[in-house]
N, C-alpha and C. Protein backbone atom coordinates (compact mmCIF):
# COMPACT_ATOMS: atom_id res chain seq x y z
N MET A 1 198.18 -40.37 -1.34
CA MET A 1 198.29 -40.28 0.10
C MET A 1 198.48 -38.81 0.45
N SER A 2 197.74 -38.37 1.43
CA SER A 2 197.85 -36.98 1.86
C SER A 2 199.16 -36.76 2.60
N GLN A 3 199.52 -35.51 2.76
CA GLN A 3 200.74 -35.20 3.50
C GLN A 3 200.60 -35.62 4.96
N GLU A 4 199.39 -35.50 5.51
CA GLU A 4 199.17 -35.94 6.89
C GLU A 4 199.40 -37.44 7.04
N ALA A 5 198.87 -38.21 6.10
CA ALA A 5 199.03 -39.67 6.14
C ALA A 5 200.49 -40.04 5.94
N ALA A 6 201.18 -39.34 5.06
CA ALA A 6 202.60 -39.61 4.83
C ALA A 6 203.42 -39.29 6.08
N LEU A 7 203.06 -38.22 6.76
CA LEU A 7 203.75 -37.86 7.99
C LEU A 7 203.52 -38.93 9.06
N GLU A 8 202.31 -39.46 9.13
CA GLU A 8 202.01 -40.53 10.09
C GLU A 8 202.87 -41.76 9.81
N VAL A 9 203.00 -42.14 8.54
CA VAL A 9 203.84 -43.29 8.19
C VAL A 9 205.29 -43.01 8.56
N ALA A 10 205.77 -41.81 8.25
CA ALA A 10 207.15 -41.46 8.58
C ALA A 10 207.39 -41.57 10.09
N MET A 11 206.45 -41.10 10.87
CA MET A 11 206.59 -41.16 12.33
C MET A 11 206.56 -42.62 12.82
N GLN A 12 205.77 -43.45 12.16
CA GLN A 12 205.75 -44.87 12.54
C GLN A 12 207.10 -45.52 12.24
N LEU A 13 207.69 -45.17 11.10
CA LEU A 13 209.01 -45.70 10.76
C LEU A 13 210.04 -45.29 11.80
N ILE A 14 209.99 -44.04 12.20
CA ILE A 14 210.93 -43.52 13.19
C ILE A 14 210.68 -44.19 14.55
N MET A 15 209.42 -44.25 14.95
CA MET A 15 209.08 -44.81 16.25
C MET A 15 209.42 -46.29 16.36
N TYR A 16 208.95 -47.08 15.40
CA TYR A 16 209.21 -48.52 15.46
C TYR A 16 210.67 -48.84 15.20
N GLY A 17 211.31 -48.08 14.33
CA GLY A 17 212.74 -48.28 14.11
C GLY A 17 213.53 -48.01 15.39
N GLY A 18 213.19 -46.94 16.08
CA GLY A 18 213.85 -46.61 17.34
C GLY A 18 213.60 -47.66 18.40
N GLU A 19 212.36 -48.17 18.44
CA GLU A 19 212.04 -49.22 19.40
C GLU A 19 212.86 -50.48 19.12
N ALA A 20 212.98 -50.83 17.85
CA ALA A 20 213.75 -52.02 17.49
C ALA A 20 215.22 -51.86 17.91
N LYS A 21 215.78 -50.70 17.66
CA LYS A 21 217.17 -50.46 18.02
C LYS A 21 217.35 -50.52 19.53
N SER A 22 216.43 -49.90 20.28
CA SER A 22 216.51 -49.93 21.74
C SER A 22 216.43 -51.35 22.28
N CYS A 23 215.53 -52.14 21.73
CA CYS A 23 215.41 -53.53 22.16
C CYS A 23 216.68 -54.31 21.85
N ALA A 24 217.29 -54.05 20.71
CA ALA A 24 218.53 -54.74 20.34
C ALA A 24 219.67 -54.35 21.29
N ILE A 25 219.71 -53.08 21.69
CA ILE A 25 220.73 -52.64 22.65
C ILE A 25 220.54 -53.37 23.98
N GLU A 26 219.28 -53.47 24.42
CA GLU A 26 218.98 -54.19 25.66
C GLU A 26 219.36 -55.66 25.53
N ALA A 27 219.13 -56.24 24.37
CA ALA A 27 219.47 -57.65 24.14
C ALA A 27 220.98 -57.86 24.22
N MET A 28 221.75 -56.96 23.62
CA MET A 28 223.20 -57.09 23.68
C MET A 28 223.71 -56.95 25.12
N ALA A 29 223.13 -56.03 25.86
CA ALA A 29 223.54 -55.85 27.26
C ALA A 29 223.24 -57.11 28.07
N ALA A 30 222.09 -57.72 27.82
CA ALA A 30 221.75 -58.96 28.52
C ALA A 30 222.70 -60.08 28.14
N ALA A 31 223.02 -60.19 26.86
CA ALA A 31 223.94 -61.24 26.40
C ALA A 31 225.32 -61.06 27.01
N LYS A 32 225.74 -59.82 27.14
CA LYS A 32 227.04 -59.54 27.74
C LYS A 32 227.10 -60.06 29.18
N LYS A 33 225.93 -60.03 29.85
CA LYS A 33 225.83 -60.55 31.22
C LYS A 33 225.50 -62.05 31.25
N ARG A 34 225.49 -62.64 30.06
CA ARG A 34 225.18 -64.07 29.89
C ARG A 34 223.73 -64.41 30.25
N ASP A 35 222.86 -63.43 30.12
CA ASP A 35 221.43 -63.68 30.33
C ASP A 35 220.78 -63.83 28.95
N PHE A 36 220.95 -65.01 28.38
CA PHE A 36 220.52 -65.24 27.01
C PHE A 36 219.01 -65.34 26.88
N LYS A 37 218.33 -65.67 27.96
CA LYS A 37 216.86 -65.70 27.93
C LYS A 37 216.33 -64.28 27.68
N VAL A 38 216.84 -63.34 28.44
CA VAL A 38 216.41 -61.94 28.25
C VAL A 38 216.88 -61.43 26.89
N ALA A 39 218.09 -61.79 26.50
CA ALA A 39 218.59 -61.36 25.19
C ALA A 39 217.67 -61.82 24.07
N ASN A 40 217.24 -63.07 24.13
CA ASN A 40 216.34 -63.59 23.10
C ASN A 40 214.97 -62.93 23.15
N GLU A 41 214.48 -62.65 24.35
CA GLU A 41 213.19 -61.95 24.48
C GLU A 41 213.26 -60.56 23.87
N ARG A 42 214.36 -59.84 24.14
CA ARG A 42 214.50 -58.48 23.62
C ARG A 42 214.68 -58.49 22.10
N MET A 43 215.36 -59.52 21.58
CA MET A 43 215.50 -59.62 20.12
C MET A 43 214.16 -59.94 19.47
N THR A 44 213.34 -60.74 20.14
CA THR A 44 212.00 -61.00 19.62
C THR A 44 211.20 -59.70 19.57
N ALA A 45 211.33 -58.89 20.61
CA ALA A 45 210.65 -57.59 20.62
C ALA A 45 211.19 -56.67 19.53
N ALA A 46 212.50 -56.73 19.30
CA ALA A 46 213.11 -55.90 18.25
C ALA A 46 212.55 -56.29 16.88
N ARG A 47 212.47 -57.60 16.63
CA ARG A 47 211.95 -58.04 15.33
C ARG A 47 210.46 -57.70 15.18
N ALA A 48 209.71 -57.72 16.27
CA ALA A 48 208.29 -57.35 16.21
C ALA A 48 208.15 -55.87 15.86
N ALA A 49 209.00 -55.04 16.42
CA ALA A 49 208.96 -53.61 16.10
C ALA A 49 209.32 -53.38 14.64
N LEU A 50 210.33 -54.11 14.15
CA LEU A 50 210.68 -53.98 12.73
C LEU A 50 209.53 -54.40 11.83
N LEU A 51 208.81 -55.43 12.23
CA LEU A 51 207.67 -55.89 11.44
C LEU A 51 206.60 -54.80 11.35
N GLU A 52 206.34 -54.12 12.47
CA GLU A 52 205.38 -53.02 12.46
C GLU A 52 205.83 -51.91 11.51
N ALA A 53 207.12 -51.60 11.55
CA ALA A 53 207.65 -50.58 10.64
C ALA A 53 207.50 -51.02 9.18
N HIS A 54 207.74 -52.28 8.93
CA HIS A 54 207.59 -52.80 7.56
C HIS A 54 206.15 -52.71 7.09
N HIS A 55 205.20 -52.93 7.98
CA HIS A 55 203.79 -52.81 7.60
C HIS A 55 203.48 -51.37 7.17
N ALA A 56 203.98 -50.41 7.93
CA ALA A 56 203.77 -49.01 7.58
C ALA A 56 204.42 -48.69 6.24
N GLN A 57 205.63 -49.16 6.06
CA GLN A 57 206.35 -48.93 4.81
C GLN A 57 205.64 -49.58 3.63
N ALA A 58 205.11 -50.77 3.84
CA ALA A 58 204.44 -51.50 2.76
C ALA A 58 203.21 -50.75 2.26
N ARG A 59 202.51 -50.07 3.16
CA ARG A 59 201.33 -49.29 2.73
C ARG A 59 201.73 -48.22 1.72
N VAL A 60 202.82 -47.54 2.00
CA VAL A 60 203.30 -46.48 1.10
C VAL A 60 203.78 -47.08 -0.21
N LEU A 61 204.53 -48.16 -0.13
CA LEU A 61 205.05 -48.80 -1.34
C LEU A 61 203.93 -49.35 -2.21
N ALA A 62 202.90 -49.90 -1.60
CA ALA A 62 201.77 -50.43 -2.37
C ALA A 62 201.07 -49.31 -3.13
N GLN A 63 200.89 -48.18 -2.47
CA GLN A 63 200.25 -47.06 -3.15
C GLN A 63 201.12 -46.53 -4.29
N GLU A 64 202.39 -46.45 -4.04
CA GLU A 64 203.32 -46.01 -5.09
C GLU A 64 203.26 -46.96 -6.29
N ALA A 65 203.20 -48.26 -6.01
CA ALA A 65 203.12 -49.25 -7.09
C ALA A 65 201.82 -49.13 -7.88
N GLN A 66 200.78 -48.63 -7.23
CA GLN A 66 199.48 -48.44 -7.90
C GLN A 66 199.43 -47.13 -8.67
N GLY A 67 200.53 -46.39 -8.66
CA GLY A 67 200.58 -45.14 -9.40
C GLY A 67 200.12 -43.94 -8.59
N ILE A 68 199.89 -44.11 -7.31
CA ILE A 68 199.49 -43.00 -6.45
C ILE A 68 200.76 -42.31 -5.96
N GLU A 69 200.96 -41.10 -6.42
CA GLU A 69 202.18 -40.37 -6.09
C GLU A 69 202.24 -40.09 -4.59
N GLN A 70 203.42 -40.31 -4.03
CA GLN A 70 203.62 -40.12 -2.60
C GLN A 70 204.37 -38.82 -2.34
N PRO A 71 203.89 -38.03 -1.39
CA PRO A 71 204.63 -36.80 -1.06
C PRO A 71 205.96 -37.17 -0.41
N LEU A 72 207.00 -36.47 -0.79
CA LEU A 72 208.32 -36.72 -0.23
C LEU A 72 208.65 -35.59 0.73
N SER A 73 209.09 -35.97 1.91
CA SER A 73 209.45 -34.97 2.90
C SER A 73 210.71 -35.41 3.62
N LEU A 74 211.29 -34.48 4.33
CA LEU A 74 212.47 -34.80 5.12
C LEU A 74 212.11 -35.83 6.20
N PHE A 75 210.88 -35.77 6.72
CA PHE A 75 210.45 -36.77 7.70
C PHE A 75 210.45 -38.18 7.11
N MET A 76 209.96 -38.32 5.88
CA MET A 76 209.93 -39.64 5.26
C MET A 76 211.35 -40.14 4.98
N ILE A 77 212.21 -39.25 4.52
CA ILE A 77 213.60 -39.64 4.28
C ILE A 77 214.24 -40.07 5.59
N HIS A 78 214.03 -39.31 6.64
CA HIS A 78 214.58 -39.65 7.95
C HIS A 78 214.00 -40.98 8.45
N GLY A 79 212.70 -41.18 8.25
CA GLY A 79 212.05 -42.42 8.67
C GLY A 79 212.63 -43.62 7.96
N GLN A 80 212.83 -43.52 6.66
CA GLN A 80 213.40 -44.62 5.89
C GLN A 80 214.84 -44.89 6.34
N ASP A 81 215.60 -43.83 6.55
CA ASP A 81 216.98 -43.98 7.01
C ASP A 81 217.01 -44.63 8.39
N HIS A 82 216.13 -44.18 9.26
CA HIS A 82 216.05 -44.73 10.61
C HIS A 82 215.72 -46.22 10.57
N LEU A 83 214.79 -46.59 9.72
CA LEU A 83 214.40 -48.00 9.59
C LEU A 83 215.57 -48.83 9.07
N MET A 84 216.22 -48.37 8.02
CA MET A 84 217.33 -49.14 7.45
C MET A 84 218.47 -49.31 8.46
N THR A 85 218.76 -48.26 9.21
CA THR A 85 219.80 -48.34 10.23
C THR A 85 219.41 -49.33 11.31
N SER A 86 218.15 -49.30 11.70
CA SER A 86 217.67 -50.21 12.75
C SER A 86 217.72 -51.67 12.29
N ILE A 87 217.39 -51.92 11.04
CA ILE A 87 217.47 -53.28 10.50
C ILE A 87 218.91 -53.79 10.59
N ALA A 88 219.85 -52.96 10.16
CA ALA A 88 221.26 -53.36 10.23
C ALA A 88 221.70 -53.56 11.67
N PHE A 89 221.24 -52.70 12.56
CA PHE A 89 221.61 -52.80 13.97
C PHE A 89 221.09 -54.09 14.59
N VAL A 90 219.85 -54.43 14.30
CA VAL A 90 219.26 -55.66 14.84
C VAL A 90 220.00 -56.89 14.29
N ASP A 91 220.32 -56.87 13.02
CA ASP A 91 221.08 -57.98 12.43
C ASP A 91 222.44 -58.14 13.11
N LEU A 92 223.14 -57.05 13.31
CA LEU A 92 224.45 -57.12 13.95
C LEU A 92 224.33 -57.53 15.42
N ALA A 93 223.28 -57.08 16.09
CA ALA A 93 223.05 -57.47 17.48
C ALA A 93 222.88 -58.98 17.57
N GLN A 94 222.15 -59.57 16.64
CA GLN A 94 221.95 -61.01 16.63
C GLN A 94 223.29 -61.73 16.50
N GLU A 95 224.13 -61.25 15.62
CA GLU A 95 225.45 -61.86 15.44
C GLU A 95 226.29 -61.74 16.72
N LEU A 96 226.26 -60.58 17.35
CA LEU A 96 227.03 -60.38 18.57
C LEU A 96 226.52 -61.27 19.70
N ILE A 97 225.23 -61.43 19.81
CA ILE A 97 224.66 -62.31 20.83
C ILE A 97 225.13 -63.75 20.60
N GLU A 98 225.17 -64.17 19.35
CA GLU A 98 225.65 -65.51 19.05
C GLU A 98 227.12 -65.68 19.43
N VAL A 99 227.91 -64.64 19.24
CA VAL A 99 229.32 -64.69 19.66
C VAL A 99 229.41 -64.81 21.18
N TYR A 100 228.62 -64.04 21.89
CA TYR A 100 228.59 -64.15 23.36
C TYR A 100 228.21 -65.56 23.80
N GLN A 101 227.25 -66.17 23.08
CA GLN A 101 226.84 -67.53 23.43
C GLN A 101 227.98 -68.53 23.24
N VAL A 102 228.72 -68.38 22.16
CA VAL A 102 229.86 -69.27 21.91
C VAL A 102 230.92 -69.07 22.99
N LEU A 103 231.19 -67.84 23.34
CA LEU A 103 232.20 -67.55 24.36
C LEU A 103 231.78 -68.07 25.73
N ALA A 104 230.48 -68.11 25.98
CA ALA A 104 229.98 -68.56 27.28
C ALA A 104 230.08 -70.08 27.44
N GLN A 105 230.25 -70.80 26.34
CA GLN A 105 230.31 -72.27 26.42
C GLN A 105 231.66 -72.77 26.86
């Protein structure tokens, strides 16, 4: 993979990871207001963004598995970190939304 292609993947990880986190924040805000329909819609969008990030990540991992050396850059490290943080954030947001739902009953 060229450095340009690796940079593109890193940017996709950052972009989609950020989108997922933003959607999860919006979902939590909606749940806090007891608007669980919007909360669920935003969580669906968050998971869709994570899926896009995973597709980008999978391309790099598949090439690495085939023995194609991948260039390592600070952008890729940041992208991977951003994705992992976003995954944890979305998971925790889902738990918090469920707590809000229990409290609303």
